[in-house]
């Protein structure tokens, strides 16, 4: 196969604890599996990215973000992982990632699952998983809507109880009535170290908007 025709791939490996990262447990096995498969297919492995993170979510993973950035700028065409749980333990998150891959033109390859959208069979498996995840999301949404409707019919007041101190709420509304912009209000609260309703330290214009709108809602 001519060098210019070789498919470029990036690998992704993950461990879930700092101890594993320090000792290398699991990393070498994942890397060897990826390198072996890429070599067998005649592809070019341009990089292998590593994270130490929980498998429950795709967020807060700098290694994965770097891999996706390389794929989506066209520097590589396939993301190879040795096992599905190294990428995600959530079917929904994995289906979302596959939908993203389909839209942006790169291929996820999960060795233990047989998901490989560079082949017709692997693309079929991926399509089925995406369809099931979409159905699951719609079913959950419908059940949630029905449950909320039933609670409203029973007179149950929905929504989280207000946790923002009344004094802070009144101060926000006073600043808004005095003509301050939402961004300016957020900046003032940040400078003063005012806590948000959830106890956080960072205010945003969107946070202030919710307070203003809640005051306008009967």
N, C-alpha and C. Protein backbone atom coordinates (compact mmCIF):
# COMPACT_ATOMS: atom_id res chain seq x y z
N UNK A 1 0.86 -1.20 0.00
CA UNK A 1 0.00 0.00 0.00
C UNK A 1 0.88 1.24 0.00
N UNK A 2 0.68 2.16 -0.93
CA UNK A 2 1.49 3.38 -0.96
C UNK A 2 1.36 4.15 0.33
N UNK A 3 2.43 4.79 0.74
CA UNK A 3 2.44 5.52 2.01
C UNK A 3 1.33 6.54 2.08
N UNK A 4 1.09 7.26 0.95
CA UNK A 4 0.08 8.32 0.99
C UNK A 4 -1.34 7.78 1.12
N UNK A 5 -1.54 6.48 0.87
CA UNK A 5 -2.88 5.90 0.93
C UNK A 5 -3.20 5.34 2.31
N UNK A 6 -2.21 5.32 3.20
CA UNK A 6 -2.43 4.73 4.52
C UNK A 6 -3.37 5.61 5.36
N UNK A 7 -4.35 4.96 5.97
CA UNK A 7 -5.27 5.69 6.85
C UNK A 7 -4.53 6.09 8.12
N UNK A 8 -4.70 7.32 8.54
CA UNK A 8 -4.06 7.80 9.77
C UNK A 8 -5.03 7.63 10.94
N UNK A 9 -4.52 7.10 12.04
CA UNK A 9 -5.35 6.85 13.22
C UNK A 9 -4.70 7.43 14.46
N UNK A 10 -5.55 7.79 15.44
CA UNK A 10 -5.06 8.15 16.77
C UNK A 10 -5.62 7.13 17.75
N UNK A 11 -4.83 6.81 18.77
CA UNK A 11 -5.28 5.90 19.81
C UNK A 11 -5.68 6.66 21.05
N UNK A 12 -6.53 6.05 21.87
CA UNK A 12 -6.93 6.66 23.14
C UNK A 12 -6.91 5.60 24.22
N UNK A 13 -6.21 5.88 25.33
CA UNK A 13 -6.15 4.96 26.46
C UNK A 13 -6.48 5.73 27.73
N UNK A 14 -7.05 5.01 28.70
CA UNK A 14 -7.49 5.68 29.93
C UNK A 14 -7.33 4.76 31.12
N UNK A 15 -6.92 5.35 32.24
CA UNK A 15 -6.94 4.66 33.53
C UNK A 15 -7.80 5.49 34.48
N UNK A 16 -8.32 4.82 35.50
CA UNK A 16 -9.31 5.50 36.34
C UNK A 16 -8.78 6.00 37.67
N UNK A 17 -7.54 5.69 38.04
CA UNK A 17 -7.00 6.18 39.31
C UNK A 17 -5.57 6.65 39.11
N UNK A 18 -5.12 7.52 40.02
CA UNK A 18 -3.74 8.02 39.95
C UNK A 18 -2.74 6.90 40.18
N UNK A 19 -3.12 5.92 41.01
CA UNK A 19 -2.22 4.80 41.25
C UNK A 19 -1.94 4.05 39.96
N UNK A 20 -3.00 3.83 39.16
CA UNK A 20 -2.81 3.14 37.90
C UNK A 20 -1.94 3.97 36.96
N UNK A 21 -2.13 5.30 36.99
CA UNK A 21 -1.33 6.15 36.12
C UNK A 21 0.14 6.07 36.50
N UNK A 22 0.40 6.10 37.82
CA UNK A 22 1.78 6.07 38.28
C UNK A 22 2.46 4.75 37.98
N UNK A 23 1.73 3.65 38.12
CA UNK A 23 2.34 2.34 37.94
C UNK A 23 2.30 1.87 36.50
N UNK A 24 1.43 2.48 35.70
CA UNK A 24 1.30 2.04 34.31
C UNK A 24 0.40 0.85 34.14
N UNK A 25 -0.28 0.42 35.20
CA UNK A 25 -1.16 -0.74 35.09
C UNK A 25 -2.26 -0.47 34.08
N UNK A 26 -2.38 -1.36 33.12
CA UNK A 26 -3.45 -1.24 32.14
C UNK A 26 -3.08 -0.42 30.92
N UNK A 27 -2.22 0.56 31.07
CA UNK A 27 -1.88 1.43 29.96
C UNK A 27 -1.10 0.69 28.87
N UNK A 28 -0.11 -0.09 29.30
CA UNK A 28 0.70 -0.81 28.31
C UNK A 28 -0.14 -1.80 27.52
N UNK A 29 -1.05 -2.49 28.20
CA UNK A 29 -1.90 -3.47 27.52
C UNK A 29 -2.80 -2.79 26.49
N UNK A 30 -3.37 -1.64 26.88
CA UNK A 30 -4.23 -0.90 25.95
C UNK A 30 -3.43 -0.40 24.74
N UNK A 31 -2.24 0.14 25.03
CA UNK A 31 -1.41 0.68 23.96
C UNK A 31 -0.97 -0.44 23.00
N UNK A 32 -0.58 -1.59 23.56
CA UNK A 32 -0.15 -2.72 22.73
C UNK A 32 -1.28 -3.21 21.83
N UNK A 33 -2.51 -3.26 22.38
CA UNK A 33 -3.65 -3.73 21.59
C UNK A 33 -3.93 -2.78 20.43
N UNK A 34 -3.84 -1.48 20.70
CA UNK A 34 -4.09 -0.48 19.66
C UNK A 34 -3.00 -0.54 18.59
N UNK A 35 -1.76 -0.56 19.03
CA UNK A 35 -0.65 -0.59 18.08
C UNK A 35 -0.68 -1.85 17.22
N UNK A 36 -1.03 -3.00 17.86
CA UNK A 36 -1.08 -4.25 17.12
C UNK A 36 -2.16 -4.24 16.06
N UNK A 37 -3.34 -3.71 16.39
CA UNK A 37 -4.45 -3.69 15.44
C UNK A 37 -4.18 -2.71 14.30
N UNK A 38 -3.65 -1.55 14.64
CA UNK A 38 -3.33 -0.55 13.62
C UNK A 38 -2.29 -1.10 12.65
N UNK A 39 -1.29 -1.79 13.19
CA UNK A 39 -0.25 -2.38 12.35
C UNK A 39 -0.83 -3.47 11.46
N UNK A 40 -1.72 -4.30 12.02
CA UNK A 40 -2.32 -5.38 11.25
C UNK A 40 -3.10 -4.86 10.06
N UNK A 41 -3.74 -3.72 10.25
CA UNK A 41 -4.55 -3.14 9.18
C UNK A 41 -3.73 -2.32 8.18
N UNK A 42 -2.48 -2.08 8.50
CA UNK A 42 -1.66 -1.29 7.60
C UNK A 42 -1.91 0.20 7.72
N UNK A 43 -2.47 0.62 8.87
CA UNK A 43 -2.71 2.04 9.09
C UNK A 43 -1.47 2.69 9.69
N UNK A 44 -1.51 4.00 9.83
CA UNK A 44 -0.44 4.74 10.48
C UNK A 44 -0.96 5.32 11.80
N UNK A 45 -0.32 4.96 12.89
CA UNK A 45 -0.71 5.47 14.20
C UNK A 45 0.07 6.75 14.46
N UNK A 46 -0.62 7.88 14.41
CA UNK A 46 0.09 9.16 14.51
C UNK A 46 0.26 9.64 15.95
N UNK A 47 -0.57 9.15 16.86
CA UNK A 47 -0.43 9.55 18.27
C UNK A 47 -1.34 8.67 19.13
N UNK A 48 -0.98 8.56 20.41
CA UNK A 48 -1.82 7.88 21.40
C UNK A 48 -2.00 8.84 22.56
N UNK A 49 -3.25 9.16 22.88
CA UNK A 49 -3.56 10.12 23.94
C UNK A 49 -4.02 9.38 25.19
N UNK A 50 -3.68 9.93 26.35
CA UNK A 50 -3.94 9.27 27.63
C UNK A 50 -4.68 10.19 28.58
N UNK A 51 -5.62 9.62 29.33
CA UNK A 51 -6.32 10.34 30.39
C UNK A 51 -6.35 9.51 31.66
N UNK A 52 -6.42 10.20 32.79
CA UNK A 52 -6.76 9.57 34.06
C UNK A 52 -8.08 10.18 34.48
N UNK A 53 -9.15 9.43 34.32
CA UNK A 53 -10.49 10.00 34.55
C UNK A 53 -11.50 8.89 34.74
N UNK A 54 -12.63 9.25 35.33
CA UNK A 54 -13.75 8.33 35.45
C UNK A 54 -14.28 7.98 34.08
N UNK A 55 -14.81 6.75 33.96
CA UNK A 55 -15.40 6.34 32.69
C UNK A 55 -16.85 6.71 32.56
N UNK A 56 -17.41 7.40 33.56
CA UNK A 56 -18.84 7.70 33.56
C UNK A 56 -19.20 8.81 32.60
N UNK A 57 -18.26 9.66 32.29
CA UNK A 57 -18.58 10.81 31.46
C UNK A 57 -17.43 11.08 30.49
N UNK A 58 -17.78 11.72 29.37
CA UNK A 58 -16.76 12.11 28.39
C UNK A 58 -16.19 13.49 28.68
N UNK A 59 -16.72 14.17 29.70
CA UNK A 59 -16.26 15.53 30.00
C UNK A 59 -14.98 15.50 30.84
N UNK A 60 -14.31 16.64 30.86
CA UNK A 60 -13.08 16.83 31.64
C UNK A 60 -12.03 15.78 31.31
N UNK A 61 -11.83 15.55 30.02
CA UNK A 61 -10.79 14.62 29.57
C UNK A 61 -9.91 15.33 28.53
N UNK A 62 -8.84 15.96 28.96
CA UNK A 62 -8.00 16.71 28.02
C UNK A 62 -7.40 15.82 26.93
N UNK A 63 -7.03 14.58 27.28
CA UNK A 63 -6.47 13.68 26.27
C UNK A 63 -7.46 13.37 25.17
N UNK A 64 -8.69 13.09 25.56
CA UNK A 64 -9.73 12.80 24.57
C UNK A 64 -10.03 14.02 23.72
N UNK A 65 -10.06 15.20 24.35
CA UNK A 65 -10.32 16.42 23.59
C UNK A 65 -9.22 16.66 22.55
N UNK A 66 -7.97 16.37 22.91
CA UNK A 66 -6.88 16.54 21.95
C UNK A 66 -7.04 15.56 20.79
N UNK A 67 -7.43 14.33 21.11
CA UNK A 67 -7.63 13.32 20.06
C UNK A 67 -8.75 13.75 19.12
N UNK A 68 -9.86 14.25 19.68
CA UNK A 68 -10.99 14.67 18.85
C UNK A 68 -10.61 15.88 17.99
N UNK A 69 -9.81 16.78 18.57
CA UNK A 69 -9.38 17.95 17.80
C UNK A 69 -8.54 17.52 16.59
N UNK A 70 -7.68 16.54 16.79
CA UNK A 70 -6.85 16.05 15.69
C UNK A 70 -7.71 15.40 14.61
N UNK A 71 -8.74 14.65 15.04
CA UNK A 71 -9.64 14.00 14.08
C UNK A 71 -10.43 15.03 13.29
N UNK A 72 -10.91 16.05 13.97
CA UNK A 72 -11.83 16.98 13.34
C UNK A 72 -11.14 18.07 12.54
N UNK A 73 -9.81 18.15 12.66
CA UNK A 73 -9.07 19.06 11.77
C UNK A 73 -8.53 18.30 10.57
N UNK A 74 -8.79 16.98 10.52
CA UNK A 74 -8.37 16.19 9.38
C UNK A 74 -6.99 15.58 9.48
N UNK A 75 -6.34 15.70 10.65
CA UNK A 75 -5.00 15.13 10.81
C UNK A 75 -5.03 13.62 10.99
N UNK A 76 -6.20 13.08 11.30
CA UNK A 76 -6.38 11.63 11.42
C UNK A 76 -7.81 11.32 11.05
N UNK A 77 -8.06 10.03 10.73
CA UNK A 77 -9.40 9.65 10.26
C UNK A 77 -10.08 8.60 11.13
N UNK A 78 -9.36 8.05 12.11
CA UNK A 78 -9.96 7.02 12.96
C UNK A 78 -9.47 7.16 14.39
N UNK A 79 -10.38 6.93 15.34
CA UNK A 79 -10.06 6.91 16.76
C UNK A 79 -10.14 5.47 17.23
N UNK A 80 -9.03 4.92 17.72
CA UNK A 80 -8.97 3.51 18.09
C UNK A 80 -8.84 3.37 19.61
N UNK A 81 -9.74 2.60 20.22
CA UNK A 81 -9.65 2.26 21.64
C UNK A 81 -9.72 0.75 21.78
N UNK A 82 -9.09 0.22 22.82
CA UNK A 82 -9.05 -1.24 22.97
C UNK A 82 -10.36 -1.79 23.51
N UNK A 83 -11.01 -1.05 24.42
CA UNK A 83 -12.26 -1.50 25.03
C UNK A 83 -13.23 -0.34 25.16
N UNK A 84 -14.51 -0.65 25.06
CA UNK A 84 -15.52 0.40 25.14
C UNK A 84 -15.47 1.15 26.46
N UNK A 85 -15.24 0.44 27.59
CA UNK A 85 -15.26 1.12 28.88
C UNK A 85 -14.08 2.06 29.08
N UNK A 86 -13.06 1.98 28.21
CA UNK A 86 -11.97 2.96 28.26
C UNK A 86 -12.43 4.29 27.69
N UNK A 87 -13.44 4.24 26.83
CA UNK A 87 -13.97 5.45 26.22
C UNK A 87 -15.16 5.98 27.01
N UNK A 88 -16.12 5.10 27.31
CA UNK A 88 -17.30 5.52 28.05
C UNK A 88 -18.05 4.31 28.58
N UNK A 89 -18.64 4.47 29.77
CA UNK A 89 -19.51 3.42 30.31
C UNK A 89 -20.97 3.78 30.11
N UNK A 90 -21.21 4.88 29.43
CA UNK A 90 -22.57 5.34 29.16
C UNK A 90 -22.90 5.09 27.69
N UNK A 91 -23.94 4.29 27.45
CA UNK A 91 -24.38 4.04 26.07
C UNK A 91 -24.78 5.35 25.40
N UNK A 92 -25.44 6.21 26.17
CA UNK A 92 -25.88 7.50 25.62
C UNK A 92 -24.69 8.34 25.17
N UNK A 93 -23.65 8.43 26.03
CA UNK A 93 -22.48 9.23 25.68
C UNK A 93 -21.78 8.65 24.46
N UNK A 94 -21.68 7.32 24.41
CA UNK A 94 -21.00 6.69 23.28
C UNK A 94 -21.78 6.92 21.99
N UNK A 95 -23.10 6.81 22.07
CA UNK A 95 -23.93 7.05 20.88
C UNK A 95 -23.78 8.49 20.41
N UNK A 96 -23.72 9.43 21.37
CA UNK A 96 -23.52 10.84 21.02
C UNK A 96 -22.18 11.04 20.31
N UNK A 97 -21.14 10.35 20.79
CA UNK A 97 -19.83 10.44 20.17
C UNK A 97 -19.86 9.88 18.75
N UNK A 98 -20.59 8.77 18.56
CA UNK A 98 -20.68 8.19 17.22
C UNK A 98 -21.45 9.10 16.27
N UNK A 99 -22.49 9.75 16.78
CA UNK A 99 -23.23 10.71 15.95
C UNK A 99 -22.31 11.86 15.53
N UNK A 100 -21.50 12.31 16.47
CA UNK A 100 -20.53 13.38 16.18
C UNK A 100 -19.54 12.92 15.10
N UNK A 101 -19.09 11.67 15.21
CA UNK A 101 -18.15 11.13 14.22
C UNK A 101 -18.78 11.07 12.84
N UNK A 102 -20.05 10.66 12.78
CA UNK A 102 -20.74 10.57 11.49
C UNK A 102 -20.88 11.95 10.86
N UNK A 103 -21.19 12.95 11.67
CA UNK A 103 -21.37 14.31 11.15
C UNK A 103 -20.07 14.90 10.65
N UNK A 104 -18.97 14.58 11.32
CA UNK A 104 -17.71 15.27 11.05
C UNK A 104 -16.70 14.42 10.27
N UNK A 105 -17.10 13.21 9.92
CA UNK A 105 -16.31 12.46 8.95
C UNK A 105 -15.12 11.69 9.47
N UNK A 106 -15.17 11.21 10.72
CA UNK A 106 -14.11 10.33 11.20
C UNK A 106 -14.73 9.05 11.76
N UNK A 107 -13.91 8.05 12.02
CA UNK A 107 -14.43 6.72 12.36
C UNK A 107 -13.97 6.26 13.74
N UNK A 108 -14.92 5.93 14.64
CA UNK A 108 -14.53 5.31 15.91
C UNK A 108 -14.31 3.81 15.69
N UNK A 109 -13.26 3.28 16.29
CA UNK A 109 -12.94 1.85 16.19
C UNK A 109 -12.76 1.33 17.61
N UNK A 110 -13.70 0.48 18.07
CA UNK A 110 -13.66 -0.08 19.42
C UNK A 110 -13.39 -1.58 19.28
N UNK A 111 -12.21 -2.01 19.66
CA UNK A 111 -11.75 -3.35 19.32
C UNK A 111 -12.58 -4.45 19.99
N UNK A 112 -12.94 -4.30 21.27
CA UNK A 112 -13.65 -5.39 21.94
C UNK A 112 -15.12 -5.48 21.52
N UNK A 113 -15.66 -4.39 20.96
CA UNK A 113 -17.08 -4.37 20.60
C UNK A 113 -17.31 -4.64 19.12
N UNK A 114 -16.27 -4.55 18.34
CA UNK A 114 -16.44 -4.75 16.90
C UNK A 114 -17.03 -3.55 16.20
N UNK A 115 -17.00 -2.40 16.85
CA UNK A 115 -17.50 -1.17 16.21
C UNK A 115 -16.36 -0.59 15.39
N UNK A 116 -16.55 -0.53 14.10
CA UNK A 116 -15.54 0.00 13.19
C UNK A 116 -16.25 0.59 11.98
N UNK A 117 -16.47 1.88 12.02
CA UNK A 117 -17.25 2.50 10.95
C UNK A 117 -16.44 2.71 9.67
N UNK A 118 -15.22 2.16 9.63
CA UNK A 118 -14.50 2.14 8.35
C UNK A 118 -14.92 0.93 7.53
N UNK A 119 -15.76 0.03 8.11
CA UNK A 119 -16.25 -1.15 7.39
C UNK A 119 -17.77 -1.13 7.37
N UNK A 120 -18.42 -1.76 6.38
CA UNK A 120 -19.89 -1.79 6.33
C UNK A 120 -20.50 -2.47 7.56
N UNK A 121 -19.92 -3.60 8.01
CA UNK A 121 -20.47 -4.30 9.17
C UNK A 121 -20.37 -3.46 10.42
N UNK A 122 -19.21 -2.81 10.62
CA UNK A 122 -19.04 -1.97 11.80
C UNK A 122 -19.96 -0.76 11.77
N UNK A 123 -20.19 -0.21 10.58
CA UNK A 123 -21.10 0.92 10.45
C UNK A 123 -22.52 0.52 10.81
N UNK A 124 -22.91 -0.72 10.45
CA UNK A 124 -24.24 -1.21 10.80
C UNK A 124 -24.39 -1.32 12.32
N UNK A 125 -23.38 -1.89 12.99
CA UNK A 125 -23.42 -2.00 14.45
C UNK A 125 -23.55 -0.62 15.09
N UNK A 126 -22.75 0.34 14.60
CA UNK A 126 -22.80 1.69 15.14
C UNK A 126 -24.17 2.32 14.93
N UNK A 127 -24.77 2.12 13.76
CA UNK A 127 -26.09 2.70 13.46
C UNK A 127 -27.15 2.13 14.38
N UNK A 128 -27.08 0.82 14.65
CA UNK A 128 -28.05 0.20 15.55
C UNK A 128 -27.92 0.78 16.95
N UNK A 129 -26.68 0.92 17.43
CA UNK A 129 -26.47 1.47 18.77
C UNK A 129 -26.97 2.91 18.88
N UNK A 130 -26.72 3.70 17.85
CA UNK A 130 -27.20 5.09 17.86
C UNK A 130 -28.72 5.12 17.87
N UNK A 131 -29.36 4.27 17.08
CA UNK A 131 -30.82 4.23 17.01
C UNK A 131 -31.41 3.84 18.35
N UNK A 132 -30.81 2.83 19.00
CA UNK A 132 -31.30 2.39 20.32
C UNK A 132 -31.15 3.51 21.34
N UNK A 133 -30.01 4.21 21.32
CA UNK A 133 -29.80 5.30 22.26
C UNK A 133 -30.79 6.45 22.02
N UNK A 134 -31.09 6.74 20.76
CA UNK A 134 -32.06 7.79 20.45
C UNK A 134 -33.45 7.40 20.95
N UNK A 135 -33.81 6.14 20.74
CA UNK A 135 -35.11 5.66 21.24
C UNK A 135 -35.16 5.76 22.76
N UNK A 136 -34.06 5.39 23.42
CA UNK A 136 -34.01 5.43 24.88
C UNK A 136 -34.19 6.86 25.38
N UNK A 137 -33.52 7.83 24.72
CA UNK A 137 -33.67 9.22 25.13
C UNK A 137 -35.10 9.71 24.98
N UNK A 138 -35.75 9.34 23.85
CA UNK A 138 -37.13 9.76 23.63
C UNK A 138 -38.07 9.11 24.64
N UNK A 139 -37.83 7.83 24.94
CA UNK A 139 -38.69 7.12 25.89
C UNK A 139 -38.57 7.73 27.28
N UNK A 140 -37.34 8.04 27.69
CA UNK A 140 -37.13 8.65 29.01
C UNK A 140 -37.79 10.03 29.06
N UNK A 141 -37.64 10.80 27.98
CA UNK A 141 -38.24 12.13 27.92
C UNK A 141 -39.76 12.05 28.03
N UNK A 142 -40.36 11.09 27.32
CA UNK A 142 -41.80 10.95 27.36
C UNK A 142 -42.28 10.53 28.75
N UNK A 143 -41.56 9.60 29.38
CA UNK A 143 -41.96 9.17 30.73
C UNK A 143 -41.83 10.31 31.72
N UNK A 144 -40.80 11.13 31.56
CA UNK A 144 -40.61 12.27 32.45
C UNK A 144 -41.74 13.29 32.29
N UNK A 145 -42.11 13.57 31.03
CA UNK A 145 -43.21 14.51 30.79
C UNK A 145 -44.51 14.01 31.39
N UNK A 146 -44.78 12.72 31.25
CA UNK A 146 -46.02 12.15 31.79
C UNK A 146 -46.03 12.21 33.31
N UNK A 147 -44.86 11.94 33.93
CA UNK A 147 -44.78 11.98 35.39
C UNK A 147 -44.98 13.40 35.91
N UNK A 148 -44.38 14.39 35.23
CA UNK A 148 -44.54 15.78 35.64
C UNK A 148 -45.98 16.25 35.48
N UNK A 149 -46.60 15.83 34.38
CA UNK A 149 -48.00 16.21 34.16
C UNK A 149 -48.89 15.65 35.26
N UNK A 150 -48.62 14.41 35.67
CA UNK A 150 -49.41 13.78 36.74
C UNK A 150 -49.23 14.53 38.06
N UNK A 151 -47.99 14.97 38.34
CA UNK A 151 -47.73 15.69 39.58
C UNK A 151 -48.42 17.06 39.56
N UNK A 152 -48.39 17.72 38.40
CA UNK A 152 -49.07 19.02 38.30
C UNK A 152 -50.57 18.85 38.52
N UNK A 153 -51.12 17.79 37.95
CA UNK A 153 -52.55 17.53 38.10
C UNK A 153 -52.92 17.30 39.56
N UNK A 154 -51.96 16.79 40.34
CA UNK A 154 -52.20 16.54 41.77
C UNK A 154 -51.94 17.77 42.62
N UNK A 155 -51.53 18.86 41.95
CA UNK A 155 -51.27 20.11 42.67
C UNK A 155 -49.88 20.21 43.26
N UNK A 156 -48.98 19.32 42.86
CA UNK A 156 -47.61 19.36 43.38
C UNK A 156 -46.84 20.51 42.75
N UNK A 157 -46.16 21.30 43.56
CA UNK A 157 -45.35 22.39 43.07
C UNK A 157 -44.00 21.83 42.63
N UNK A 158 -43.66 22.01 41.37
CA UNK A 158 -42.45 21.43 40.81
C UNK A 158 -41.29 22.41 40.84
N UNK A 159 -40.11 21.87 40.63
CA UNK A 159 -38.91 22.70 40.60
C UNK A 159 -38.15 22.64 41.91
N UNK A 160 -36.87 22.97 41.86
CA UNK A 160 -36.05 22.94 43.07
C UNK A 160 -36.42 24.11 43.98
N UNK A 161 -36.40 23.88 45.29
CA UNK A 161 -36.68 24.99 46.20
C UNK A 161 -35.60 26.07 46.06
N UNK A 162 -36.01 27.32 46.22
CA UNK A 162 -35.06 28.42 46.09
C UNK A 162 -34.03 28.34 47.21
N UNK A 163 -32.75 28.34 46.84
CA UNK A 163 -31.67 28.26 47.81
C UNK A 163 -30.92 29.58 47.93
N UNK A 164 -31.19 30.51 47.02
CA UNK A 164 -30.50 31.80 47.06
C UNK A 164 -31.03 32.63 48.22
N UNK A 165 -30.15 33.18 49.03
CA UNK A 165 -30.61 34.03 50.13
C UNK A 165 -31.48 35.17 49.61
N UNK A 166 -32.51 35.48 50.35
CA UNK A 166 -33.45 36.52 49.92
C UNK A 166 -32.74 37.86 49.75
N UNK A 167 -31.77 38.14 50.61
CA UNK A 167 -31.05 39.41 50.52
C UNK A 167 -30.29 39.51 49.20
N UNK A 168 -29.70 38.40 48.75
CA UNK A 168 -28.98 38.40 47.48
C UNK A 168 -29.94 38.58 46.32
N UNK A 169 -31.07 37.88 46.39
CA UNK A 169 -32.07 38.01 45.33
C UNK A 169 -32.55 39.46 45.20
N UNK A 170 -32.85 40.09 46.33
CA UNK A 170 -33.31 41.48 46.30
C UNK A 170 -32.23 42.41 45.77
N UNK A 171 -30.98 42.13 46.12
CA UNK A 171 -29.89 42.97 45.63
C UNK A 171 -29.76 42.87 44.11
N UNK A 172 -29.88 41.66 43.58
CA UNK A 172 -29.80 41.47 42.13
C UNK A 172 -30.91 42.26 41.44
N UNK A 173 -32.14 42.13 41.97
CA UNK A 173 -33.27 42.82 41.36
C UNK A 173 -33.13 44.34 41.46
N UNK A 174 -32.57 44.81 42.58
CA UNK A 174 -32.36 46.26 42.75
C UNK A 174 -31.35 46.76 41.71
N UNK A 175 -30.26 46.02 41.52
CA UNK A 175 -29.26 46.45 40.55
C UNK A 175 -29.83 46.44 39.14
N UNK A 176 -30.68 45.46 38.87
CA UNK A 176 -31.29 45.39 37.53
C UNK A 176 -32.23 46.56 37.31
N UNK A 177 -33.03 46.89 38.32
CA UNK A 177 -33.96 48.02 38.20
C UNK A 177 -33.23 49.35 38.07
N UNK A 178 -32.02 49.41 38.62
CA UNK A 178 -31.25 50.66 38.55
C UNK A 178 -30.60 50.84 37.18
N UNK A 179 -30.76 49.84 36.29
CA UNK A 179 -30.27 49.98 34.93
C UNK A 179 -29.00 49.22 34.60
N UNK A 180 -28.47 48.46 35.56
CA UNK A 180 -27.25 47.70 35.29
C UNK A 180 -27.52 46.55 34.34
N UNK A 181 -26.56 46.25 33.48
CA UNK A 181 -26.72 45.12 32.57
C UNK A 181 -26.54 43.80 33.34
N UNK A 182 -26.98 42.73 32.73
CA UNK A 182 -26.84 41.42 33.37
C UNK A 182 -25.37 41.09 33.60
N UNK A 183 -24.52 41.40 32.62
CA UNK A 183 -23.09 41.13 32.75
C UNK A 183 -22.48 41.95 33.87
N UNK A 184 -22.88 43.22 33.97
CA UNK A 184 -22.34 44.10 35.01
C UNK A 184 -22.74 43.60 36.40
N UNK A 185 -23.98 43.12 36.53
CA UNK A 185 -24.43 42.58 37.81
C UNK A 185 -23.60 41.36 38.19
N UNK A 186 -23.38 40.49 37.23
CA UNK A 186 -22.59 39.28 37.50
C UNK A 186 -21.16 39.66 37.92
N UNK A 187 -20.59 40.64 37.23
CA UNK A 187 -19.23 41.08 37.57
C UNK A 187 -19.17 41.65 38.98
N UNK A 188 -20.18 42.44 39.35
CA UNK A 188 -20.21 43.03 40.69
C UNK A 188 -20.30 41.94 41.77
N UNK A 189 -21.15 40.94 41.55
CA UNK A 189 -21.31 39.85 42.52
C UNK A 189 -20.01 39.04 42.62
N UNK A 190 -19.33 38.86 41.49
CA UNK A 190 -18.06 38.13 41.52
C UNK A 190 -17.00 38.90 42.31
N UNK A 191 -16.95 40.21 42.10
CA UNK A 191 -15.97 41.03 42.83
C UNK A 191 -16.23 41.00 44.34
N UNK A 192 -17.51 40.95 44.70
CA UNK A 192 -17.87 40.97 46.11
C UNK A 192 -17.77 39.59 46.76
N UNK A 193 -17.54 38.56 45.96
CA UNK A 193 -17.45 37.21 46.52
C UNK A 193 -18.78 36.64 46.94
N UNK A 194 -19.86 37.14 46.35
CA UNK A 194 -21.20 36.65 46.69
C UNK A 194 -21.39 35.23 46.18
N UNK A 195 -21.94 34.37 47.01
CA UNK A 195 -22.16 32.98 46.64
C UNK A 195 -23.41 32.84 45.78
N UNK A 196 -23.37 31.87 44.86
CA UNK A 196 -24.55 31.56 44.05
C UNK A 196 -25.51 30.70 44.87
N UNK A 197 -26.66 30.37 44.28
CA UNK A 197 -27.65 29.54 44.97
C UNK A 197 -27.09 28.18 45.35
N UNK A 198 -26.17 27.66 44.52
CA UNK A 198 -25.58 26.36 44.80
C UNK A 198 -24.28 26.46 45.60
N UNK A 199 -23.95 27.67 46.06
CA UNK A 199 -22.76 27.84 46.87
C UNK A 199 -21.50 28.12 46.08
N UNK A 200 -21.63 28.27 44.76
CA UNK A 200 -20.47 28.54 43.93
C UNK A 200 -20.00 29.98 44.03
N UNK A 201 -18.83 30.24 43.44
CA UNK A 201 -18.24 31.58 43.52
C UNK A 201 -18.34 32.36 42.21
N UNK A 202 -18.78 31.71 41.14
CA UNK A 202 -18.76 32.37 39.83
C UNK A 202 -20.18 32.65 39.34
N UNK A 203 -20.44 33.92 39.06
CA UNK A 203 -21.71 34.35 38.51
C UNK A 203 -21.56 34.62 37.02
N UNK A 204 -22.63 34.34 36.27
CA UNK A 204 -22.66 34.61 34.84
C UNK A 204 -23.92 35.40 34.52
N UNK A 205 -23.93 36.04 33.36
CA UNK A 205 -25.12 36.79 32.96
C UNK A 205 -26.34 35.87 32.91
N UNK A 206 -26.15 34.61 32.50
CA UNK A 206 -27.27 33.67 32.42
C UNK A 206 -27.83 33.37 33.81
N UNK A 207 -26.95 33.33 34.83
CA UNK A 207 -27.41 33.09 36.20
C UNK A 207 -28.29 34.24 36.67
N UNK A 208 -27.85 35.45 36.39
CA UNK A 208 -28.61 36.64 36.78
C UNK A 208 -29.95 36.66 36.04
N UNK A 209 -29.95 36.27 34.79
CA UNK A 209 -31.18 36.24 33.98
C UNK A 209 -32.25 35.38 34.64
N UNK A 210 -31.83 34.21 35.15
CA UNK A 210 -32.79 33.31 35.79
C UNK A 210 -33.45 33.95 37.01
N UNK A 211 -32.66 34.69 37.78
CA UNK A 211 -33.21 35.34 38.97
C UNK A 211 -34.19 36.43 38.57
N UNK A 212 -33.84 37.21 37.55
CA UNK A 212 -34.73 38.28 37.09
C UNK A 212 -36.02 37.70 36.54
N UNK A 213 -35.90 36.64 35.75
CA UNK A 213 -37.10 36.03 35.17
C UNK A 213 -37.99 35.39 36.22
N UNK A 214 -37.36 34.76 37.24
CA UNK A 214 -38.15 34.13 38.30
C UNK A 214 -38.95 35.15 39.08
N UNK A 215 -38.40 36.36 39.20
CA UNK A 215 -39.13 37.43 39.91
C UNK A 215 -40.31 37.94 39.10
N UNK A 216 -40.25 37.77 37.79
CA UNK A 216 -41.31 38.24 36.90
C UNK A 216 -42.39 37.18 36.68
N UNK A 217 -42.09 35.92 37.12
CA UNK A 217 -43.03 34.81 36.94
C UNK A 217 -43.93 34.70 38.15
N UNK A 218 -45.24 34.70 37.95
CA UNK A 218 -46.16 34.62 39.09
C UNK A 218 -45.95 33.34 39.88
